[in-house]
Amino acid sequence: SLALWDKCQPVFEPYAQIDLFLDNDEQGRLKTKEALSIGSKFKDRSDLFIGGKDLNDLLVRKQLT
């Protein structure tokens, strides 16, 4: 949940790369943009579910095909 973003910041510290699979909606895109501006360790991976709302949507669609 994006509501936990600030609390997660200390957890992010030791990692060299953090892949973001945030929702493809206004809030998710804003938070992705914010994270990318923080540093290069953040990588936007929402391109995996273009045309869908989120990663779960992609997985459900794959399971149905």
C-alpha atoms as a PDB file:
ATOM      1  CA  SER A   1       0.000   0.000   0.000  1.00  0.00           C
ATOM      2  CA  LEU A   2       1.242   3.479  -0.798  1.00  0.00           C
ATOM      3  CA  ALA A   3       0.085   4.479   2.698  1.00  0.00           C
ATOM      4  CA  LEU A   4       3.108   2.569   4.034  1.00  0.00           C
ATOM      5  CA  TRP A   5       5.630   4.182   1.661  1.00  0.00           C
ATOM      6  CA  ASP A   6       7.228   6.477   4.244  1.00  0.00           C
ATOM      7  CA  LYS A   7       7.537   3.674   6.785  1.00  0.00           C
ATOM      8  CA  CYS A   8       9.292   1.516   4.184  1.00  0.00           C
ATOM      9  CA  GLN A   9      12.089   3.998   3.491  1.00  0.00           C
ATOM     10  CA  PRO A  10      14.473   2.467   6.077  1.00  0.00           C
ATOM     11  CA  VAL A  11      13.851  -0.973   4.580  1.00  0.00           C
ATOM     12  CA  PHE A  12      14.927   0.289   1.150  1.00  0.00           C
ATOM     13  CA  GLU A  13      18.294   1.610   2.348  1.00  0.00           C
ATOM     14  CA  PRO A  14      20.531  -1.490   2.050  1.00  0.00           C
ATOM     15  CA  TYR A  15      19.327  -2.466  -1.427  1.00  0.00           C
ATOM     16  CA  ALA A  16      21.181  -1.496  -4.587  1.00  0.00           C
ATOM     17  CA  GLN A  17      18.046  -1.794  -6.748  1.00  0.00           C
ATOM     18  CA  ILE A  18      14.359  -1.583  -5.951  1.00  0.00           C
ATOM     19  CA  ASP A  19      11.875  -2.651  -8.625  1.00  0.00           C
ATOM     20  CA  LEU A  20       8.588  -0.753  -8.497  1.00  0.00           C
ATOM     21  CA  PHE A  21       5.411  -2.565  -9.551  1.00  0.00           C
ATOM     22  CA  LEU A  22       3.053   0.211  -8.492  1.00  0.00           C
ATOM     23  CA  ASP A  23      -0.503   0.466  -9.798  1.00  0.00           C
ATOM     24  CA  ASN A  24      -1.109   1.977 -13.205  1.00  0.00           C
ATOM     25  CA  ASP A  25      -3.332   4.725 -11.815  1.00  0.00           C
ATOM     26  CA  GLU A  26      -2.770   8.354 -10.862  1.00  0.00           C
ATOM     27  CA  GLN A  27      -1.469   7.626  -7.353  1.00  0.00           C
ATOM     28  CA  GLY A  28       0.823   4.845  -8.532  1.00  0.00           C
ATOM     29  CA  ARG A  29       2.273   6.942 -11.330  1.00  0.00           C
ATOM     30  CA  LEU A  30       2.845   9.898  -8.979  1.00  0.00           C
ATOM     31  CA  LYS A  31       4.616   7.726  -6.410  1.00  0.00           C
ATOM     32  CA  THR A  32       6.718   6.103  -9.136  1.00  0.00           C
ATOM     33  CA  LYS A  33       7.762   9.525 -10.397  1.00  0.00           C
ATOM     34  CA  GLU A  34       8.619  10.565  -6.842  1.00  0.00           C
ATOM     35  CA  ALA A  35      10.690   7.418  -6.239  1.00  0.00           C
ATOM     36  CA  LEU A  36      12.574   7.810  -9.512  1.00  0.00           C
ATOM     37  CA  SER A  37      13.465  11.365  -8.489  1.00  0.00           C
ATOM     38  CA  ILE A  38      14.893  10.092  -5.178  1.00  0.00           C
ATOM     39  CA  GLY A  39      17.575   8.015  -6.811  1.00  0.00           C
ATOM     40  CA  SER A  40      18.668   5.635  -9.507  1.00  0.00           C
ATOM     41  CA  LYS A  41      18.176   2.558  -7.310  1.00  0.00           C
ATOM     42  CA  PHE A  42      14.437   2.727  -8.081  1.00  0.00           C
ATOM     43  CA  LYS A  43      13.347   1.062 -11.344  1.00  0.00           C
ATOM     44  CA  ASP A  44       9.863   1.418 -12.816  1.00  0.00           C
ATOM     45  CA  ARG A  45       8.565  -2.028 -13.821  1.00  0.00           C
ATOM     46  CA  SER A  46       4.971  -1.015 -14.591  1.00  0.00           C
ATOM     47  CA  ASP A  47       5.748  -1.583 -18.271  1.00  0.00           C
ATOM     48  CA  LEU A  48       5.116  -5.277 -17.575  1.00  0.00           C
ATOM     49  CA  PHE A  49       1.390  -4.672 -17.172  1.00  0.00           C
ATOM     50  CA  ILE A  50       0.641  -2.005 -19.756  1.00  0.00           C
ATOM     51  CA  GLY A  51      -3.082  -2.070 -20.462  1.00  0.00           C
ATOM     52  CA  GLY A  52      -3.845  -3.372 -16.976  1.00  0.00           C
ATOM     53  CA  LYS A  53      -4.265  -1.800 -13.574  1.00  0.00           C
ATOM     54  CA  ASP A  54      -1.535  -3.622 -11.679  1.00  0.00           C
ATOM     55  CA  LEU A  55       0.683  -6.689 -11.495  1.00  0.00           C
ATOM     56  CA  ASN A  56      -2.157  -8.817 -10.127  1.00  0.00           C
ATOM     57  CA  ASP A  57      -4.300  -7.877 -13.139  1.00  0.00           C
ATOM     58  CA  LEU A  58      -1.519  -9.115 -15.429  1.00  0.00           C
ATOM     59  CA  LEU A  59      -1.187 -12.400 -13.546  1.00  0.00           C
ATOM     60  CA  VAL A  60      -4.947 -13.033 -13.608  1.00  0.00           C
ATOM     61  CA  ARG A  61      -5.105 -12.327 -17.348  1.00  0.00           C
ATOM     62  CA  LYS A  62      -2.184 -14.714 -18.000  1.00  0.00           C
ATOM     63  CA  GLN A  63      -3.849 -17.424 -15.933  1.00  0.00           C
ATOM     64  CA  LEU A  64      -7.073 -17.124 -17.939  1.00  0.00           C
ATOM     65  CA  THR A  65      -5.323 -17.570 -21.297  1.00  0.00           C
END
